[in-house]
PDB file of N, CA and C in Angstrom:
ATOM      1  N   MET A   1      10.236  31.122 -14.129  1.00  0.00           N
ATOM      2  CA  MET A   1       9.509  29.788 -13.792  1.00  0.00           C
ATOM      3  C   MET A   1       9.006  29.545 -15.780  1.00  0.00           C
ATOM      4  N   ASP A   2       9.447  28.479 -16.104  1.00  0.00           N
ATOM      5  CA  ASP A   2       8.895  27.936 -17.767  1.00  0.00           C
ATOM      6  C   ASP A   2       7.991  27.408 -17.984  1.00  0.00           C
ATOM      7  N   CYS A   3       7.381  27.614 -18.829  1.00  0.00           N
ATOM      8  CA  CYS A   3       6.109  27.069 -19.583  1.00  0.00           C
ATOM      9  C   CYS A   3       5.651  25.367 -18.972  1.00  0.00           C
ATOM     10  N   PHE A   4       6.854  24.638 -19.076  1.00  0.00           N
ATOM     11  CA  PHE A   4       6.665  23.383 -17.984  1.00  0.00           C
ATOM     12  C   PHE A   4       6.382  23.300 -16.539  1.00  0.00           C
ATOM     13  N   ASP A   5       7.173  24.309 -15.808  1.00  0.00           N
ATOM     14  CA  ASP A   5       6.932  24.313 -14.437  1.00  0.00           C
ATOM     15  C   ASP A   5       5.580  25.008 -14.209  1.00  0.00           C
ATOM     16  N   LEU A   6       5.106  25.854 -14.937  1.00  0.00           N
ATOM     17  CA  LEU A   6       3.734  26.340 -14.766  1.00  0.00           C
ATOM     18  C   LEU A   6       2.757  25.052 -14.828  1.00  0.00           C
ATOM     19  N   LEU A   7       2.634  24.727 -15.721  1.00  0.00           N
ATOM     20  CA  LEU A   7       1.838  23.591 -16.092  1.00  0.00           C
ATOM     21  C   LEU A   7       1.975  22.437 -15.075  1.00  0.00           C
ATOM     22  N   TRP A   8       3.115  21.969 -14.769  1.00  0.00           N
ATOM     23  CA  TRP A   8       3.135  21.101 -13.603  1.00  0.00           C
ATOM     24  C   TRP A   8       2.533  21.491 -12.334  1.00  0.00           C
ATOM     25  N   GLN A   9       2.862  22.997 -12.001  1.00  0.00           N
ATOM     26  CA  GLN A   9       2.292  23.389 -11.061  1.00  0.00           C
ATOM     27  C   GLN A   9       0.697  23.783 -11.027  1.00  0.00           C
ATOM     28  N   ILE A  10       0.215  23.692 -11.818  1.00  0.00           N
ATOM     29  CA  ILE A  10      -1.366  24.167 -12.180  1.00  0.00           C
ATOM     30  C   ILE A  10      -1.576  22.665 -11.765  1.00  0.00           C
ATOM     31  N   GLY A  11      -1.185  21.554 -12.823  1.00  0.00           N
ATOM     32  CA  GLY A  11      -1.535  19.821 -12.471  1.00  0.00           C
ATOM     33  C   GLY A  11      -1.506  19.881 -11.149  1.00  0.00           C
ATOM     34  N   GLN A  12      -0.412  20.057 -10.788  1.00  0.00           N
ATOM     35  CA  GLN A  12      -0.291  19.802  -8.983  1.00  0.00           C
ATOM     36  C   GLN A  12      -1.358  20.732  -8.085  1.00  0.00           C
ATOM     37  N   ASP A  13      -2.021  21.637  -8.357  1.00  0.00           N
ATOM     38  CA  ASP A  13      -2.635  22.455  -7.566  1.00  0.00           C
ATOM     39  C   ASP A  13      -4.003  21.895  -8.299  1.00  0.00           C
ATOM     40  N   ARG A  14      -4.764  21.406  -9.352  1.00  0.00           N
ATOM     41  CA  ARG A  14      -5.724  20.541  -9.433  1.00  0.00           C
ATOM     42  C   ARG A  14      -5.867  19.489  -8.481  1.00  0.00           C
ATOM     43  N   GLU A  15      -4.609  18.577  -8.807  1.00  0.00           N
ATOM     44  CA  GLU A  15      -4.979  17.335  -8.092  1.00  0.00           C
ATOM     45  C   GLU A  15      -4.836  17.766  -6.348  1.00  0.00           C
ATOM     46  N   LEU A  16      -4.291  18.589  -5.760  1.00  0.00           N
ATOM     47  CA  LEU A  16      -4.458  18.559  -4.316  1.00  0.00           C
ATOM     48  C   LEU A  16      -5.972  19.462  -3.826  1.00  0.00           C
ATOM     49  N   SER A  17      -6.384  20.108  -5.116  1.00  0.00           N
ATOM     50  CA  SER A  17      -7.932  20.725  -4.666  1.00  0.00           C
ATOM     51  C   SER A  17      -8.785  19.280  -4.861  1.00  0.00           C
ATOM     52  N   ASP A  18      -8.615  18.629  -5.817  1.00  0.00           N
ATOM     53  CA  ASP A  18      -9.233  17.241  -6.004  1.00  0.00           C
ATOM     54  C   ASP A  18      -9.336  16.355  -4.790  1.00  0.00           C
ATOM     55  N   LEU A  19      -7.968  16.478  -4.098  1.00  0.00           N
ATOM     56  CA  LEU A  19      -7.929  15.662  -2.857  1.00  0.00           C
ATOM     57  C   LEU A  19      -8.472  16.009  -1.882  1.00  0.00           C
ATOM     58  N   ARG A  20      -8.350  17.509  -1.712  1.00  0.00           N
ATOM     59  CA  ARG A  20      -9.301  18.145  -0.467  1.00  0.00           C
ATOM     60  C   ARG A  20     -10.699  17.958  -0.649  1.00  0.00           C
ATOM     61  N   GLY A  21     -11.666  18.084  -1.999  1.00  0.00           N
ATOM     62  CA  GLY A  21     -12.604  17.567  -1.944  1.00  0.00           C
ATOM     63  C   GLY A  21     -12.881  15.897  -1.781  1.00  0.00           C
ATOM     64  N   GLN A  22     -12.281  15.338  -2.108  1.00  0.00           N
ATOM     65  CA  GLN A  22     -12.476  13.886  -1.754  1.00  0.00           C
ATOM     66  C   GLN A  22     -12.372  13.766   0.104  1.00  0.00           C
ATOM     67  N   LEU A  23     -11.472  14.407   0.481  1.00  0.00           N
ATOM     68  CA  LEU A  23     -11.529  14.241   1.813  1.00  0.00           C
ATOM     69  C   LEU A  23     -12.617  14.846   2.620  1.00  0.00           C
ATOM     70  N   GLU A  24     -13.183  15.904   2.094  1.00  0.00           N
ATOM     71  CA  GLU A  24     -14.367  16.591   2.687  1.00  0.00           C
ATOM     72  C   GLU A  24     -15.608  15.764   2.384  1.00  0.00           C
ATOM     73  N   LYS A  25     -15.682  15.192   1.500  1.00  0.00           N
ATOM     74  CA  LYS A  25     -16.324  14.012   1.081  1.00  0.00           C
ATOM     75  C   LYS A  25     -16.506  13.196   1.969  1.00  0.00           C
ATOM     76  N   ILE A  26     -15.526  12.390   2.377  1.00  0.00           N
ATOM     77  CA  ILE A  26     -15.218  11.483   3.097  1.00  0.00           C
ATOM     78  C   ILE A  26     -15.762  11.604   4.483  1.00  0.00           C
ATOM     79  N   ARG A  27     -15.329  12.595   4.770  1.00  0.00           N
ATOM     80  CA  ARG A  27     -15.603  13.532   5.952  1.00  0.00           C
ATOM     81  C   ARG A  27     -17.014  13.400   6.185  1.00  0.00           C
ATOM     82  N   HIS A  28     -17.513  14.028   5.375  1.00  0.00           N
ATOM     83  CA  HIS A  28     -19.196  14.177   5.691  1.00  0.00           C
ATOM     84  C   HIS A  28     -19.887  13.177   5.711  1.00  0.00           C
ATOM     85  N   GLU A  29     -19.091  11.657   4.689  1.00  0.00           N
ATOM     86  CA  GLU A  29     -19.936  10.628   4.831  1.00  0.00           C
ATOM     87  C   GLU A  29     -19.811  10.003   6.261  1.00  0.00           C
ATOM     88  N   HIS A  30     -18.420   9.867   6.692  1.00  0.00           N
ATOM     89  CA  HIS A  30     -18.028   9.219   8.250  1.00  0.00           C
ATOM     90  C   HIS A  30     -18.670  10.096   9.583  1.00  0.00           C
ATOM     91  N   ASP A  31     -18.778  11.490   9.034  1.00  0.00           N
ATOM     92  CA  ASP A  31     -19.878  11.931  10.425  1.00  0.00           C
ATOM     93  C   ASP A  31     -21.297  11.671   9.992  1.00  0.00           C
ATOM     94  N   ARG A  32     -21.873  11.323   9.035  1.00  0.00           N
ATOM     95  CA  ARG A  32     -23.473  10.963   8.840  1.00  0.00           C
ATOM     96  C   ARG A  32     -23.347   9.564   9.578  1.00  0.00           C
ATOM     97  N   THR A  33     -22.643   8.716   9.121  1.00  0.00           N
ATOM     98  CA  THR A  33     -22.859   7.264   9.814  1.00  0.00           C
ATOM     99  C   THR A  33     -22.394   7.205  10.965  1.00  0.00           C
ATOM    100  N   THR A  34     -21.471   7.832  11.665  1.00  0.00           N
ATOM    101  CA  THR A  34     -20.958   7.599  12.868  1.00  0.00           C
ATOM    102  C   THR A  34     -21.594   8.376  13.880  1.00  0.00           C
ATOM    103  N   ARG A  35     -22.667   9.141  13.497  1.00  0.00           N
ATOM    104  CA  ARG A  35     -23.222  10.118  14.207  1.00  0.00           C
ATOM    105  C   ARG A  35     -24.305   9.076  15.667  1.00  0.00           C
ATOM    106  N   GLY A  36     -23.756   9.776  16.937  1.00  0.00           N
ATOM    107  CA  GLY A  36     -24.131   8.655  18.177  1.00  0.00           C
ATOM    108  C   GLY A  36     -23.471   7.676  18.526  1.00  0.00           C
ATOM    109  N   ARG A  37     -22.307   7.497  17.574  1.00  0.00           N
ATOM    110  CA  ARG A  37     -21.847   6.011  18.533  1.00  0.00           C
ATOM    111  C   ARG A  37     -20.377   6.288  19.100  1.00  0.00           C
ATOM    112  N   ASP A  38     -20.377   5.046  20.005  1.00  0.00           N
ATOM    113  CA  ASP A  38     -19.283   5.405  20.831  1.00  0.00           C
ATOM    114  C   ASP A  38     -18.072   5.469  20.473  1.00  0.00           C
ATOM    115  N   GLY A  39     -17.052   6.013  21.252  1.00  0.00           N
ATOM    116  CA  GLY A  39     -15.594   6.347  20.583  1.00  0.00           C
ATOM    117  C   GLY A  39     -15.354   6.919  19.258  1.00  0.00           C
ATOM    118  N   ARG A  40     -16.507   7.928  18.924  1.00  0.00           N
ATOM    119  CA  ARG A  40     -16.415   8.733  17.814  1.00  0.00           C
ATOM    120  C   ARG A  40     -15.213   9.440  17.571  1.00  0.00           C
ATOM    121  N   ASP A  41     -14.597  10.006  18.781  1.00  0.00           N
ATOM    122  CA  ASP A  41     -13.581  10.761  18.808  1.00  0.00           C
ATOM    123  C   ASP A  41     -12.526  10.180  18.070  1.00  0.00           C
ATOM    124  N   LEU A  42     -12.405   8.484  18.795  1.00  0.00           N
ATOM    125  CA  LEU A  42     -11.166   8.031  18.433  1.00  0.00           C
ATOM    126  C   LEU A  42     -11.303   7.488  16.616  1.00  0.00           C
ATOM    127  N   GLU A  43     -12.598   7.128  16.454  1.00  0.00           N
ATOM    128  CA  GLU A  43     -12.860   7.065  15.035  1.00  0.00           C
ATOM    129  C   GLU A  43     -12.465   8.003  14.195  1.00  0.00           C
ATOM    130  N   GLY A  44     -12.791   9.210  14.626  1.00  0.00           N
ATOM    131  CA  GLY A  44     -12.736  10.835  14.058  1.00  0.00           C
ATOM    132  C   GLY A  44     -10.981  10.627  13.942  1.00  0.00           C
ATOM    133  N   GLU A  45     -10.139  10.377  14.652  1.00  0.00           N
ATOM    134  CA  GLU A  45      -9.058  10.612  14.951  1.00  0.00           C
ATOM    135  C   GLU A  45      -8.420   9.760  13.519  1.00  0.00           C
ATOM    136  N   LEU A  46      -8.897   8.408  14.065  1.00  0.00           N
ATOM    137  CA  LEU A  46      -7.976   7.109  13.143  1.00  0.00           C
ATOM    138  C   LEU A  46      -8.370   7.723  11.403  1.00  0.00           C
ATOM    139  N   LEU A  47      -9.841   8.258  11.239  1.00  0.00           N
ATOM    140  CA  LEU A  47     -10.225   8.437  10.110  1.00  0.00           C
ATOM    141  C   LEU A  47      -8.837   9.464   9.531  1.00  0.00           C
ATOM    142  N   GLU A  48      -8.593  10.671  10.079  1.00  0.00           N
ATOM    143  CA  GLU A  48      -8.227  11.725   9.740  1.00  0.00           C
ATOM    144  C   GLU A  48      -6.864  11.664   9.440  1.00  0.00           C
ATOM    145  N   MET A  49      -6.183  10.388  10.550  1.00  0.00           N
ATOM    146  CA  MET A  49      -4.655  10.046  10.127  1.00  0.00           C
ATOM    147  C   MET A  49      -4.495   8.930   8.831  1.00  0.00           C
ATOM    148  N   LYS A  50      -5.742   8.161   8.528  1.00  0.00           N
ATOM    149  CA  LYS A  50      -5.557   7.498   7.353  1.00  0.00           C
ATOM    150  C   LYS A  50      -5.634   8.492   6.196  1.00  0.00           C
ATOM    151  N   LEU A  51      -6.832   9.408   6.550  1.00  0.00           N
ATOM    152  CA  LEU A  51      -6.770  10.456   4.930  1.00  0.00           C
ATOM    153  C   LEU A  51      -5.131  11.024   4.903  1.00  0.00           C
ATOM    154  N   ARG A  52      -4.833  11.546   5.635  1.00  0.00           N
ATOM    155  CA  ARG A  52      -3.244  12.423   5.807  1.00  0.00           C
ATOM    156  C   ARG A  52      -2.224  11.199   5.031  1.00  0.00           C
ATOM    157  N   HIS A  53      -2.381  10.444   5.563  1.00  0.00           N
ATOM    158  CA  HIS A  53      -1.327   9.266   5.282  1.00  0.00           C
ATOM    159  C   HIS A  53      -1.316   9.017   3.612  1.00  0.00           C
ATOM    160  N   GLY A  54      -2.884   9.104   3.595  1.00  0.00           N
ATOM    161  CA  GLY A  54      -3.084   8.846   1.959  1.00  0.00           C
ATOM    162  C   GLY A  54      -2.502   9.699   1.236  1.00  0.00           C
ATOM    163  N   LEU A  55      -2.895  11.331   1.442  1.00  0.00           N
ATOM    164  CA  LEU A  55      -2.693  12.398   1.058  1.00  0.00           C
ATOM    165  C   LEU A  55      -1.134  12.505   0.781  1.00  0.00           C
ATOM    166  N   LEU A  56      -0.031  12.010   1.700  1.00  0.00           N
ATOM    167  CA  LEU A  56       1.181  12.134   1.901  1.00  0.00           C
ATOM    168  C   LEU A  56       1.630  11.426   0.817  1.00  0.00           C
ATOM    169  N   VAL A  57       1.364   9.914   0.720  1.00  0.00           N
ATOM    170  CA  VAL A  57       1.563   8.803  -0.058  1.00  0.00           C
ATOM    171  C   VAL A  57       1.060   9.565  -1.702  1.00  0.00           C
ATOM    172  N   ARG A  58       0.434  10.035  -1.594  1.00  0.00           N
ATOM    173  CA  ARG A  58      -0.202  10.404  -3.304  1.00  0.00           C
ATOM    174  C   ARG A  58       0.825  11.606  -3.677  1.00  0.00           C
ATOM    175  N   LEU A  59       0.958  12.568  -2.872  1.00  0.00           N
ATOM    176  CA  LEU A  59       2.258  13.411  -2.834  1.00  0.00           C
ATOM    177  C   LEU A  59       3.314  13.336  -3.146  1.00  0.00           C
ATOM    178  N   LEU A  60       3.855  12.098  -2.659  1.00  0.00           N
ATOM    179  CA  LEU A  60       5.185  11.383  -2.613  1.00  0.00           C
ATOM    180  C   LEU A  60       5.074  10.792  -4.290  1.00  0.00           C
ATOM    181  N   ILE A  61       4.364  10.178  -4.530  1.00  0.00           N
ATOM    182  CA  ILE A  61       4.266   9.697  -5.640  1.00  0.00           C
ATOM    183  C   ILE A  61       4.607  10.656  -6.964  1.00  0.00           C
ATOM    184  N   ALA A  62       3.590  11.619  -6.645  1.00  0.00           N
ATOM    185  CA  ALA A  62       3.187  12.659  -7.768  1.00  0.00           C
ATOM    186  C   ALA A  62       4.541  13.579  -7.816  1.00  0.00           C
ATOM    187  N   LYS A  63       5.212  13.815  -6.918  1.00  0.00           N
ATOM    188  CA  LYS A  63       6.681  14.038  -6.917  1.00  0.00           C
ATOM    189  C   LYS A  63       7.895  13.386  -6.989  1.00  0.00           C
ATOM    190  N   GLY A  64       7.662  12.004  -7.610  1.00  0.00           N
ATOM    191  CA  GLY A  64       8.479  11.172  -7.991  1.00  0.00           C
ATOM    192  C   GLY A  64       9.665  10.688  -6.752  1.00  0.00           C
ATOM    193  N   VAL A  65       8.945  11.024  -5.536  1.00  0.00           N
ATOM    194  CA  VAL A  65      10.142  10.098  -4.490  1.00  0.00           C
ATOM    195  C   VAL A  65      10.172   9.021  -4.441  1.00  0.00           C
ATOM    196  N   ILE A  66       8.699   8.255  -4.567  1.00  0.00           N
ATOM    197  CA  ILE A  66       8.351   6.735  -4.503  1.00  0.00           C
ATOM    198  C   ILE A  66       7.622   6.589  -5.469  1.00  0.00           C
ATOM    199  N   THR A  67       7.632   5.352  -6.028  1.00  0.00           N
ATOM    200  CA  THR A  67       6.671   5.047  -7.210  1.00  0.00           C
ATOM    201  C   THR A  67       5.576   4.158  -6.194  1.00  0.00           C
ATOM    202  N   ALA A  68       4.336   4.245  -7.052  1.00  0.00           N
ATOM    203  CA  ALA A  68       3.098   3.282  -6.899  1.00  0.00           C
ATOM    204  C   ALA A  68       3.914   1.840  -6.698  1.00  0.00           C
ATOM    205  N   ALA A  69       4.719   0.953  -7.357  1.00  0.00           N
ATOM    206  CA  ALA A  69       4.729  -0.254  -7.067  1.00  0.00           C
ATOM    207  C   ALA A  69       5.936  -0.101  -5.820  1.00  0.00           C
ATOM    208  N   GLU A  70       6.642   0.630  -5.715  1.00  0.00           N
ATOM    209  CA  GLU A  70       7.371   0.657  -4.614  1.00  0.00           C
ATOM    210  C   GLU A  70       6.477   0.396  -3.431  1.00  0.00           C
ATOM    211  N   TYR A  71       5.385   1.666  -3.286  1.00  0.00           N
ATOM    212  CA  TYR A  71       4.783   1.848  -2.309  1.00  0.00           C
ATOM    213  C   TYR A  71       3.827   0.236  -1.694  1.00  0.00           C
ATOM    214  N   ALA A  72       3.371  -0.134  -3.018  1.00  0.00           N
ATOM    215  CA  ALA A  72       2.881  -1.471  -3.295  1.00  0.00           C
ATOM    216  C   ALA A  72       3.528  -2.723  -2.443  1.00  0.00           C
ATOM    217  N   ALA A  73       4.763  -2.823  -2.931  1.00  0.00           N
ATOM    218  CA  ALA A  73       5.569  -3.835  -2.514  1.00  0.00           C
ATOM    219  C   ALA A  73       6.289  -3.701  -1.226  1.00  0.00           C
ATOM    220  N   LEU A  74       6.142  -2.201  -0.488  1.00  0.00           N
ATOM    221  CA  LEU A  74       6.190  -1.973   0.960  1.00  0.00           C
ATOM    222  C   LEU A  74       5.321  -2.637   1.764  1.00  0.00           C
ATOM    223  N   ILE A  75       4.091  -2.251   1.323  1.00  0.00           N
ATOM    224  CA  ILE A  75       2.432  -2.715   2.023  1.00  0.00           C
ATOM    225  C   ILE A  75       2.489  -4.191   2.028  1.00  0.00           C
ATOM    226  N   ALA A  76       2.657  -5.016   0.739  1.00  0.00           N
ATOM    227  CA  ALA A  76       2.597  -6.180   0.837  1.00  0.00           C
ATOM    228  C   ALA A  76       3.631  -6.931   1.705  1.00  0.00           C
ATOM    229  N   GLU A  77       5.236  -6.550   1.950  1.00  0.00           N
ATOM    230  CA  GLU A  77       5.684  -7.018   2.892  1.00  0.00           C
ATOM    231  C   GLU A  77       5.381  -6.785   4.117  1.00  0.00           C
ATOM    232  N   THR A  78       4.886  -5.523   4.602  1.00  0.00           N
ATOM    233  CA  THR A  78       4.336  -5.401   5.874  1.00  0.00           C
ATOM    234  C   THR A  78       3.440  -6.627   6.038  1.00  0.00           C
ATOM    235  N   ARG A  79       2.242  -6.780   5.179  1.00  0.00           N
ATOM    236  CA  ARG A  79       1.374  -7.474   5.594  1.00  0.00           C
ATOM    237  C   ARG A  79       1.972  -9.078   5.690  1.00  0.00           C
ATOM    238  N   MET A  80       2.986  -9.598   5.083  1.00  0.00           N
ATOM    239  CA  MET A  80       3.396 -10.844   5.468  1.00  0.00           C
ATOM    240  C   MET A  80       4.219 -11.324   6.672  1.00  0.00           C
ATOM    241  N   ASP A  81       4.405 -10.090   7.007  1.00  0.00           N
ATOM    242  CA  ASP A  81       5.127  -9.927   8.500  1.00  0.00           C
ATOM    243  C   ASP A  81       4.384 -10.251   9.241  1.00  0.00           C
ATOM    244  N   THR A  82       2.921  -9.872   9.180  1.00  0.00           N
ATOM    245  CA  THR A  82       2.225  -9.968  10.351  1.00  0.00           C
ATOM    246  C   THR A  82       1.350 -10.955  10.477  1.00  0.00           C
TER     247      THR A  82
END
């Protein structure tokens, strides 16, 4: 592993750690605001899916599989069709 690969890996590890922290913060906030409401399980599942989707998109962008502009264009196309 050369220096560039090591630095890239460290950057990826840091980004994933930051994303995990954000995920935990969002979960905590969601739990605090939805306590006692009907449909909490369904809301929790939806939130989990949204968070995982966001993490997946960020990872794909970070790895260069898709650009943020390409993803935004896909979302815009989807919204126009509905």
